[in-house]
Amino acid sequence: MDFKTICQEVKTLSEEVALFIRKELNAVSEDQIVTKDHNSLVTYVDQTAEKMIVKRLQELIPEATFITEEDTVEQAEGDLVWIIDPLDGTNNFLQKIPHFAVSIALRYKDEMVIGVVYDVMREECFSALKGEGAYVNDRPIGVSQKESIDDCVLATGFPYAKNMNFKPLINTLEHWMLHARGIRRFGAAALDLCFVAAGRIDCYYEFKLNIWDVAAGMLIVKEAGGEVSDYQGGQTHKTGNQVVASNGKVHSYVIDILKTNFQ
């Protein structure tokens, strides 16, 4: 299978879907917003974008199955699986905060082989093909080379669950406030990962995510020379529940802090 050609098609598709999302930015009304769960919102924009993506990808690889956020197509595992978040950062989109993206990944036999994340408002297309490096708008990118956490800017996200113990999260934030250059919360996991890949931030970590939030971004980080794991340094990040992505040089330090606080 010619994954290189397929990757190019996905990049073109992501740009077309981003154009649709951008045009709808000021068109969504309050009565068109549906609450799926606490602070988890969906609109016709998410659903229409996903249908656009699925239709094209079904034509591209008819035998592939899908895992998607909005369930507009039958969800199934297989050797070839498309993993899609049509609009990562829906809350940002609804608030007109210009930080949201289209995320499309292709997994082949348990390995991500294509990852494309399109930053809708900045018109930046982050992409990676397994073994071929990472790019933004076809320019090569790489992770930062910082070795001391004192010089690092980190990013994270906060879970929406009301009944969880927030103390580990708060203790970790306090550590970064005392020891890192800065901490950010952008609100779109796919773009956080791409920012690590491009060296814009040095590390990103978050838990209680879904695989469609991170599938494409994880490959982009790895192909940019970074490291990705779960909070224990293991491989359960492939499910999307816990993700730590870094430039690799500060990875073990970040893992140690997370292990200490999230026991």
C-alpha atoms as a PDB file:
ATOM      1  CA  MET A   1       0.000   0.000   0.000  1.00  0.00           C
ATOM      2  CA  ASP A   2       1.308   3.426  -0.973  1.00  0.00           C
ATOM      3  CA  PHE A   3       1.082   5.236   2.387  1.00  0.00           C
ATOM      4  CA  LYS A   4       3.001   8.217   1.026  1.00  0.00           C
ATOM      5  CA  THR A   5       0.345   8.981  -1.578  1.00  0.00           C
ATOM      6  CA  ILE A   6      -2.409   8.338   0.959  1.00  0.00           C
ATOM      7  CA  CYS A   7      -0.780  10.767   3.387  1.00  0.00           C
ATOM      8  CA  GLN A   8      -0.791  13.473   0.729  1.00  0.00           C
ATOM      9  CA  GLU A   9      -4.482  12.849   0.085  1.00  0.00           C
ATOM     10  CA  VAL A  10      -5.218  13.127   3.812  1.00  0.00           C
ATOM     11  CA  LYS A  11      -3.370  16.441   4.017  1.00  0.00           C
ATOM     12  CA  THR A  12      -5.463  17.816   1.166  1.00  0.00           C
ATOM     13  CA  LEU A  13      -8.633  16.506   2.805  1.00  0.00           C
ATOM     14  CA  SER A  14      -7.757  18.056   6.162  1.00  0.00           C
ATOM     15  CA  GLU A  15      -7.328  21.449   4.520  1.00  0.00           C
ATOM     16  CA  GLU A  16     -10.729  21.192   2.834  1.00  0.00           C
ATOM     17  CA  VAL A  17     -12.428  20.221   6.101  1.00  0.00           C
ATOM     18  CA  ALA A  18     -10.641  23.043   7.926  1.00  0.00           C
ATOM     19  CA  LEU A  19     -12.004  25.504   5.360  1.00  0.00           C
ATOM     20  CA  PHE A  20     -15.538  24.288   6.096  1.00  0.00           C
ATOM     21  CA  ILE A  21     -14.989  24.629   9.867  1.00  0.00           C
ATOM     22  CA  ARG A  22     -13.545  28.110   9.470  1.00  0.00           C
ATOM     23  CA  LYS A  23     -16.563  29.239   7.426  1.00  0.00           C
ATOM     24  CA  GLU A  24     -18.920  28.000  10.149  1.00  0.00           C
ATOM     25  CA  LEU A  25     -17.103  29.742  13.013  1.00  0.00           C
ATOM     26  CA  ASN A  26     -19.703  32.494  13.373  1.00  0.00           C
ATOM     27  CA  ALA A  27     -22.721  30.465  12.277  1.00  0.00           C
ATOM     28  CA  VAL A  28     -23.353  28.156  15.259  1.00  0.00           C
ATOM     29  CA  SER A  29     -26.222  29.230  17.519  1.00  0.00           C
ATOM     30  CA  GLU A  30     -26.827  28.182  21.124  1.00  0.00           C
ATOM     31  CA  ASP A  31     -29.727  25.904  20.188  1.00  0.00           C
ATOM     32  CA  GLN A  32     -27.410  23.977  17.836  1.00  0.00           C
ATOM     33  CA  ILE A  33     -25.033  22.963  20.633  1.00  0.00           C
ATOM     34  CA  VAL A  34     -25.604  19.527  22.175  1.00  0.00           C
ATOM     35  CA  THR A  35     -24.113  18.477  25.532  1.00  0.00           C
ATOM     36  CA  LYS A  36     -22.757  14.927  25.299  1.00  0.00           C
ATOM     37  CA  ASP A  37     -21.326  14.948  28.827  1.00  0.00           C
ATOM     38  CA  HIS A  38     -20.137  17.503  31.368  1.00  0.00           C
ATOM     39  CA  ASN A  39     -18.315  20.178  29.321  1.00  0.00           C
ATOM     40  CA  SER A  40     -18.281  17.835  26.320  1.00  0.00           C
ATOM     41  CA  LEU A  41     -20.124  19.607  23.520  1.00  0.00           C
ATOM     42  CA  VAL A  42     -20.925  18.801  19.916  1.00  0.00           C
ATOM     43  CA  THR A  43     -22.433  20.749  17.030  1.00  0.00           C
ATOM     44  CA  TYR A  44     -23.455  20.112  13.437  1.00  0.00           C
ATOM     45  CA  VAL A  45     -19.961  21.378  12.534  1.00  0.00           C
ATOM     46  CA  ASP A  46     -18.249  18.444  14.294  1.00  0.00           C
ATOM     47  CA  GLN A  47     -20.663  15.938  12.783  1.00  0.00           C
ATOM     48  CA  THR A  48     -20.614  17.344   9.254  1.00  0.00           C
ATOM     49  CA  ALA A  49     -16.813  17.579   9.298  1.00  0.00           C
ATOM     50  CA  GLU A  50     -16.585  13.944  10.372  1.00  0.00           C
ATOM     51  CA  LYS A  51     -18.958  12.826   7.624  1.00  0.00           C
ATOM     52  CA  MET A  52     -16.862  14.704   5.064  1.00  0.00           C
ATOM     53  CA  ILE A  53     -13.712  12.966   6.303  1.00  0.00           C
ATOM     54  CA  VAL A  54     -15.258   9.489   6.482  1.00  0.00           C
ATOM     55  CA  LYS A  55     -16.741   9.702   2.983  1.00  0.00           C
ATOM     56  CA  ARG A  56     -13.400  10.582   1.409  1.00  0.00           C
ATOM     57  CA  LEU A  57     -11.428   8.037   3.407  1.00  0.00           C
ATOM     58  CA  GLN A  58     -13.866   5.262   2.531  1.00  0.00           C
ATOM     59  CA  GLU A  59     -13.140   6.005  -1.120  1.00  0.00           C
ATOM     60  CA  LEU A  60      -9.401   6.102  -0.442  1.00  0.00           C
ATOM     61  CA  ILE A  61      -9.155   2.746   1.401  1.00  0.00           C
ATOM     62  CA  PRO A  62     -12.477   0.865   1.137  1.00  0.00           C
ATOM     63  CA  GLU A  63     -11.346  -1.964   3.434  1.00  0.00           C
ATOM     64  CA  ALA A  64     -10.316   0.287   6.347  1.00  0.00           C
ATOM     65  CA  THR A  65     -12.433   0.589   9.494  1.00  0.00           C
ATOM     66  CA  PHE A  66     -13.017   3.619  11.700  1.00  0.00           C
ATOM     67  CA  ILE A  67     -12.693   4.891  15.252  1.00  0.00           C
ATOM     68  CA  THR A  68     -14.185   8.376  15.437  1.00  0.00           C
ATOM     69  CA  GLU A  69     -15.325  10.829  18.078  1.00  0.00           C
ATOM     70  CA  GLU A  70     -18.790  11.538  16.732  1.00  0.00           C
ATOM     71  CA  ASP A  71     -19.851   7.981  15.775  1.00  0.00           C
ATOM     72  CA  THR A  72     -21.116   9.003  12.342  1.00  0.00           C
ATOM     73  CA  VAL A  73     -19.878   5.672  10.985  1.00  0.00           C
ATOM     74  CA  GLU A  74     -19.757   2.134  12.357  1.00  0.00           C
ATOM     75  CA  GLN A  75     -16.926   1.794  14.892  1.00  0.00           C
ATOM     76  CA  ALA A  76     -14.712  -1.246  14.357  1.00  0.00           C
ATOM     77  CA  GLU A  77     -11.171  -2.513  14.770  1.00  0.00           C
ATOM     78  CA  GLY A  78      -9.143  -4.068  11.964  1.00  0.00           C
ATOM     79  CA  ASP A  79      -5.698  -4.209  10.358  1.00  0.00           C
ATOM     80  CA  LEU A  80      -6.251  -0.748   8.844  1.00  0.00           C
ATOM     81  CA  VAL A  81      -8.064   1.733  11.078  1.00  0.00           C
ATOM     82  CA  TRP A  82      -8.715   5.431  10.580  1.00  0.00           C
ATOM     83  CA  ILE A  83      -8.779   7.313  13.905  1.00  0.00           C
ATOM     84  CA  ILE A  84     -10.512  10.676  13.571  1.00  0.00           C
ATOM     85  CA  ASP A  85     -11.271  13.749  15.625  1.00  0.00           C
ATOM     86  CA  PRO A  86     -13.008  16.090  13.181  1.00  0.00           C
ATOM     87  CA  LEU A  87     -12.760  19.094  15.501  1.00  0.00           C
ATOM     88  CA  ASP A  88     -10.342  18.814  18.402  1.00  0.00           C
ATOM     89  CA  GLY A  89     -10.976  21.784  20.683  1.00  0.00           C
ATOM     90  CA  THR A  90     -14.735  22.209  20.238  1.00  0.00           C
ATOM     91  CA  ASN A  91     -14.993  24.414  23.330  1.00  0.00           C
ATOM     92  CA  ASN A  92     -12.350  26.728  21.876  1.00  0.00           C
ATOM     93  CA  PHE A  93     -14.250  26.781  18.580  1.00  0.00           C
ATOM     94  CA  LEU A  94     -17.508  27.728  20.295  1.00  0.00           C
ATOM     95  CA  GLN A  95     -15.776  30.434  22.320  1.00  0.00           C
ATOM     96  CA  LYS A  96     -14.080  31.679  19.137  1.00  0.00           C
ATOM     97  CA  ILE A  97     -10.670  31.047  20.664  1.00  0.00           C
ATOM     98  CA  PRO A  98      -8.543  30.393  17.550  1.00  0.00           C
ATOM     99  CA  HIS A  99      -7.003  27.109  18.691  1.00  0.00           C
ATOM    100  CA  PHE A 100      -8.674  23.975  17.292  1.00  0.00           C
ATOM    101  CA  ALA A 101      -7.799  21.368  14.714  1.00  0.00           C
ATOM    102  CA  VAL A 102      -8.731  18.488  12.451  1.00  0.00           C
ATOM    103  CA  SER A 103      -6.939  15.272  13.456  1.00  0.00           C
ATOM    104  CA  ILE A 104      -6.684  12.182  11.235  1.00  0.00           C
ATOM    105  CA  ALA A 105      -4.501   9.115  11.830  1.00  0.00           C
ATOM    106  CA  LEU A 106      -4.131   5.767  10.104  1.00  0.00           C
ATOM    107  CA  ARG A 107      -3.143   2.732  12.164  1.00  0.00           C
ATOM    108  CA  TYR A 108      -1.830  -0.383  10.454  1.00  0.00           C
ATOM    109  CA  LYS A 109      -1.453  -3.533  12.562  1.00  0.00           C
ATOM    110  CA  ASP A 110      -1.142  -1.640  15.876  1.00  0.00           C
ATOM    111  CA  GLU A 111       1.306   0.962  14.526  1.00  0.00           C
ATOM    112  CA  MET A 112       0.416   4.506  13.537  1.00  0.00           C
ATOM    113  CA  VAL A 113       1.645   5.022   9.980  1.00  0.00           C
ATOM    114  CA  ILE A 114       0.043   8.361   9.051  1.00  0.00           C
ATOM    115  CA  GLY A 115      -0.715  11.359  11.240  1.00  0.00           C
ATOM    116  CA  VAL A 116      -2.180  14.662  10.048  1.00  0.00           C
ATOM    117  CA  VAL A 117      -3.269  17.536  12.282  1.00  0.00           C
ATOM    118  CA  TYR A 118      -4.549  20.707  10.624  1.00  0.00           C
ATOM    119  CA  ASP A 119      -4.588  23.888  12.705  1.00  0.00           C
ATOM    120  CA  VAL A 120      -7.782  25.448  11.360  1.00  0.00           C
ATOM    121  CA  MET A 121      -7.143  29.112  12.126  1.00  0.00           C
ATOM    122  CA  ARG A 122      -3.366  29.258  11.592  1.00  0.00           C
ATOM    123  CA  GLU A 123      -3.653  27.156   8.427  1.00  0.00           C
ATOM    124  CA  GLU A 124      -0.771  24.945   9.498  1.00  0.00           C
ATOM    125  CA  CYS A 125      -0.769  21.318   8.398  1.00  0.00           C
ATOM    126  CA  PHE A 126       1.315  19.110  10.695  1.00  0.00           C
ATOM    127  CA  SER A 127       1.998  15.698   9.222  1.00  0.00           C
ATOM    128  CA  ALA A 128       4.056  12.561   9.621  1.00  0.00           C
ATOM    129  CA  LEU A 129       4.531   9.329   7.723  1.00  0.00           C
ATOM    130  CA  LYS A 130       6.123   6.543   9.760  1.00  0.00           C
ATOM    131  CA  GLY A 131       9.874   6.546   9.170  1.00  0.00           C
ATOM    132  CA  GLU A 132       9.807   9.724   7.072  1.00  0.00           C
ATOM    133  CA  GLY A 133      10.040  12.544   9.650  1.00  0.00           C
ATOM    134  CA  ALA A 134       7.584  15.246  10.713  1.00  0.00           C
ATOM    135  CA  TYR A 135       6.535  18.390   8.872  1.00  0.00           C
ATOM    136  CA  VAL A 136       4.463  21.543   9.063  1.00  0.00           C
ATOM    137  CA  ASN A 137       3.263  22.803   5.676  1.00  0.00           C
ATOM    138  CA  ASP A 138       5.865  20.444   4.180  1.00  0.00           C
ATOM    139  CA  ARG A 139       8.753  22.025   6.139  1.00  0.00           C
ATOM    140  CA  PRO A 140      10.692  19.635   8.412  1.00  0.00           C
ATOM    141  CA  ILE A 141      10.207  20.126  12.143  1.00  0.00           C
ATOM    142  CA  GLY A 142      11.952  18.749  15.219  1.00  0.00           C
ATOM    143  CA  VAL A 143      11.591  18.804  18.978  1.00  0.00           C
ATOM    144  CA  SER A 144      13.504  21.236  21.195  1.00  0.00           C
ATOM    145  CA  GLN A 145      16.945  20.404  22.547  1.00  0.00           C
ATOM    146  CA  LYS A 146      16.480  21.744  26.085  1.00  0.00           C
ATOM    147  CA  GLU A 147      17.942  19.514  28.761  1.00  0.00           C
ATOM    148  CA  SER A 148      16.998  21.336  31.967  1.00  0.00           C
ATOM    149  CA  ILE A 149      13.405  21.576  33.179  1.00  0.00           C
ATOM    150  CA  ASP A 150      14.248  25.100  34.360  1.00  0.00           C
ATOM    151  CA  ASP A 151      14.345  26.175  30.706  1.00  0.00           C
ATOM    152  CA  CYS A 152      11.213  24.303  29.651  1.00  0.00           C
ATOM    153  CA  VAL A 153       7.662  25.392  28.920  1.00  0.00           C
ATOM    154  CA  LEU A 154       5.156  22.598  29.523  1.00  0.00           C
ATOM    155  CA  ALA A 155       1.520  22.190  28.538  1.00  0.00           C
ATOM    156  CA  THR A 156      -1.268  20.125  30.035  1.00  0.00           C
ATOM    157  CA  GLY A 157      -5.036  19.743  30.094  1.00  0.00           C
ATOM    158  CA  PHE A 158      -7.619  19.292  32.805  1.00  0.00           C
ATOM    159  CA  PRO A 159     -10.211  16.499  32.953  1.00  0.00           C
ATOM    160  CA  TYR A 160     -13.887  17.415  33.106  1.00  0.00           C
ATOM    161  CA  ALA A 161     -14.876  14.864  35.792  1.00  0.00           C
ATOM    162  CA  LYS A 162     -16.330  16.578  38.836  1.00  0.00           C
ATOM    163  CA  ASN A 163     -15.911  13.671  41.237  1.00  0.00           C
ATOM    164  CA  MET A 164     -12.184  13.050  40.837  1.00  0.00           C
ATOM    165  CA  ASN A 165      -9.348  13.807  43.239  1.00  0.00           C
ATOM    166  CA  PHE A 166      -7.693  16.953  41.868  1.00  0.00           C
ATOM    167  CA  LYS A 167      -4.857  17.003  44.411  1.00  0.00           C
ATOM    168  CA  PRO A 168      -2.332  15.092  42.228  1.00  0.00           C
ATOM    169  CA  LEU A 169      -3.012  17.472  39.346  1.00  0.00           C
ATOM    170  CA  ILE A 170      -2.635  20.554  41.549  1.00  0.00           C
ATOM    171  CA  ASN A 171       0.551  19.240  43.186  1.00  0.00           C
ATOM    172  CA  THR A 172       2.065  18.651  39.747  1.00  0.00           C
ATOM    173  CA  LEU A 173       1.152  22.144  38.582  1.00  0.00           C
ATOM    174  CA  GLU A 174       2.720  23.594  41.719  1.00  0.00           C
ATOM    175  CA  HIS A 175       5.959  21.742  40.955  1.00  0.00           C
ATOM    176  CA  TRP A 176       6.149  23.204  37.447  1.00  0.00           C
ATOM    177  CA  MET A 177       5.376  26.684  38.749  1.00  0.00           C
ATOM    178  CA  LEU A 178       8.364  26.377  41.059  1.00  0.00           C
ATOM    179  CA  HIS A 179      10.769  24.598  38.722  1.00  0.00           C
ATOM    180  CA  ALA A 180       9.844  25.176  35.042  1.00  0.00           C
ATOM    181  CA  ARG A 181       9.923  28.290  32.881  1.00  0.00           C
ATOM    182  CA  GLY A 182       6.180  28.139  32.328  1.00  0.00           C
ATOM    183  CA  ILE A 183       3.011  26.054  32.135  1.00  0.00           C
ATOM    184  CA  ARG A 184       0.226  26.384  29.547  1.00  0.00           C
ATOM    185  CA  ARG A 185      -3.294  25.002  29.024  1.00  0.00           C
ATOM    186  CA  PHE A 186      -4.337  25.444  25.387  1.00  0.00           C
ATOM    187  CA  GLY A 187      -7.392  23.184  25.168  1.00  0.00           C
ATOM    188  CA  ALA A 188      -6.650  21.034  22.105  1.00  0.00           C
ATOM    189  CA  ALA A 189      -4.583  17.896  22.688  1.00  0.00           C
ATOM    190  CA  ALA A 190      -3.799  17.300  19.013  1.00  0.00           C
ATOM    191  CA  LEU A 191      -2.198  20.733  18.705  1.00  0.00           C
ATOM    192  CA  ASP A 192      -0.378  20.420  22.046  1.00  0.00           C
ATOM    193  CA  LEU A 193       1.356  17.350  20.662  1.00  0.00           C
ATOM    194  CA  CYS A 194       2.218  19.131  17.424  1.00  0.00           C
ATOM    195  CA  PHE A 195       3.650  22.047  19.389  1.00  0.00           C
ATOM    196  CA  VAL A 196       5.985  19.581  21.121  1.00  0.00           C
ATOM    197  CA  ALA A 197       6.955  18.181  17.718  1.00  0.00           C
ATOM    198  CA  ALA A 198       7.717  21.674  16.419  1.00  0.00           C
ATOM    199  CA  GLY A 199       9.755  22.652  19.498  1.00  0.00           C
ATOM    200  CA  ARG A 200       7.274  25.341  20.533  1.00  0.00           C
ATOM    201  CA  ILE A 201       6.752  23.652  23.887  1.00  0.00           C
ATOM    202  CA  ASP A 202       9.060  21.117  25.470  1.00  0.00           C
ATOM    203  CA  CYS A 203       6.606  18.697  27.072  1.00  0.00           C
ATOM    204  CA  TYR A 204       2.881  17.986  27.164  1.00  0.00           C
ATOM    205  CA  TYR A 205       1.016  15.643  29.484  1.00  0.00           C
ATOM    206  CA  GLU A 206      -2.662  14.900  30.102  1.00  0.00           C
ATOM    207  CA  PHE A 207      -4.958  12.086  31.239  1.00  0.00           C
ATOM    208  CA  LYS A 208      -8.581  11.025  30.674  1.00  0.00           C
ATOM    209  CA  LEU A 209      -8.236  11.534  26.941  1.00  0.00           C
ATOM    210  CA  ASN A 210      -9.468   9.385  24.056  1.00  0.00           C
ATOM    211  CA  ILE A 211      -7.437   7.776  21.308  1.00  0.00           C
ATOM    212  CA  TRP A 212      -8.826  10.148  18.649  1.00  0.00           C
ATOM    213  CA  ASP A 213      -7.441  13.115  20.619  1.00  0.00           C
ATOM    214  CA  VAL A 214      -3.858  11.920  20.357  1.00  0.00           C
ATOM    215  CA  ALA A 215      -3.418   9.275  17.643  1.00  0.00           C
ATOM    216  CA  ALA A 216      -2.122  11.575  14.899  1.00  0.00           C
ATOM    217  CA  GLY A 217      -0.144  13.847  17.229  1.00  0.00           C
ATOM    218  CA  MET A 218       1.720  10.976  18.880  1.00  0.00           C
ATOM    219  CA  LEU A 219       3.166   9.843  15.555  1.00  0.00           C
ATOM    220  CA  ILE A 220       4.109  13.427  14.668  1.00  0.00           C
ATOM    221  CA  VAL A 221       6.004  13.799  17.967  1.00  0.00           C
ATOM    222  CA  LYS A 222       7.883  10.528  17.464  1.00  0.00           C
ATOM    223  CA  GLU A 223       8.797  11.378  13.886  1.00  0.00           C
ATOM    224  CA  ALA A 224      10.042  14.786  15.091  1.00  0.00           C
ATOM    225  CA  GLY A 225      12.509  13.027  17.402  1.00  0.00           C
ATOM    226  CA  GLY A 226      10.459  13.189  20.581  1.00  0.00           C
ATOM    227  CA  GLU A 227       9.369  10.583  23.099  1.00  0.00           C
ATOM    228  CA  VAL A 228       5.832   9.500  23.999  1.00  0.00           C
ATOM    229  CA  SER A 229       4.682   7.316  26.904  1.00  0.00           C
ATOM    230  CA  ASP A 230       2.094   7.022  29.654  1.00  0.00           C
ATOM    231  CA  TYR A 231       2.605   8.455  33.159  1.00  0.00           C
ATOM    232  CA  GLN A 232       4.622   5.398  34.182  1.00  0.00           C
ATOM    233  CA  GLY A 233       6.878   5.481  31.144  1.00  0.00           C
ATOM    234  CA  GLY A 234       4.973   2.552  29.625  1.00  0.00           C
ATOM    235  CA  GLN A 235       2.998   1.997  26.450  1.00  0.00           C
ATOM    236  CA  THR A 236      -0.636   2.395  27.547  1.00  0.00           C
ATOM    237  CA  HIS A 237      -0.579   5.846  25.938  1.00  0.00           C
ATOM    238  CA  LYS A 238      -1.606   4.025  22.767  1.00  0.00           C
ATOM    239  CA  THR A 239      -5.153   3.920  24.178  1.00  0.00           C
ATOM    240  CA  GLY A 240      -5.076   7.693  24.725  1.00  0.00           C
ATOM    241  CA  ASN A 241      -5.932   7.595  28.446  1.00  0.00           C
ATOM    242  CA  GLN A 242      -2.581   8.953  29.685  1.00  0.00           C
ATOM    243  CA  VAL A 243      -0.096  10.719  27.448  1.00  0.00           C
ATOM    244  CA  VAL A 244       3.294  12.297  28.087  1.00  0.00           C
ATOM    245  CA  ALA A 245       5.084  13.717  25.047  1.00  0.00           C
ATOM    246  CA  SER A 246       8.412  15.487  25.295  1.00  0.00           C
ATOM    247  CA  ASN A 247      11.636  16.340  23.510  1.00  0.00           C
ATOM    248  CA  GLY A 248      13.057  13.174  25.087  1.00  0.00           C
ATOM    249  CA  LYS A 249      15.733  14.974  27.047  1.00  0.00           C
ATOM    250  CA  VAL A 250      13.427  15.877  29.961  1.00  0.00           C
ATOM    251  CA  HIS A 251      11.138  12.863  29.654  1.00  0.00           C
ATOM    252  CA  SER A 252      12.463  10.846  32.582  1.00  0.00           C
ATOM    253  CA  TYR A 253      12.340  13.887  34.867  1.00  0.00           C
ATOM    254  CA  VAL A 254       8.702  14.585  33.964  1.00  0.00           C
ATOM    255  CA  ILE A 255       7.806  10.910  34.423  1.00  0.00           C
ATOM    256  CA  ASP A 256       9.381  10.901  37.887  1.00  0.00           C
ATOM    257  CA  ILE A 257       7.244  13.863  38.949  1.00  0.00           C
ATOM    258  CA  LEU A 258       4.083  12.306  37.543  1.00  0.00           C
ATOM    259  CA  LYS A 259       4.824   8.973  39.203  1.00  0.00           C
ATOM    260  CA  THR A 260       5.295  10.716  42.549  1.00  0.00           C
ATOM    261  CA  ASN A 261       2.045  12.658  42.349  1.00  0.00           C
ATOM    262  CA  PHE A 262      -0.216  10.210  40.499  1.00  0.00           C
ATOM    263  CA  GLN A 263       0.393   7.070  42.533  1.00  0.00           C
END
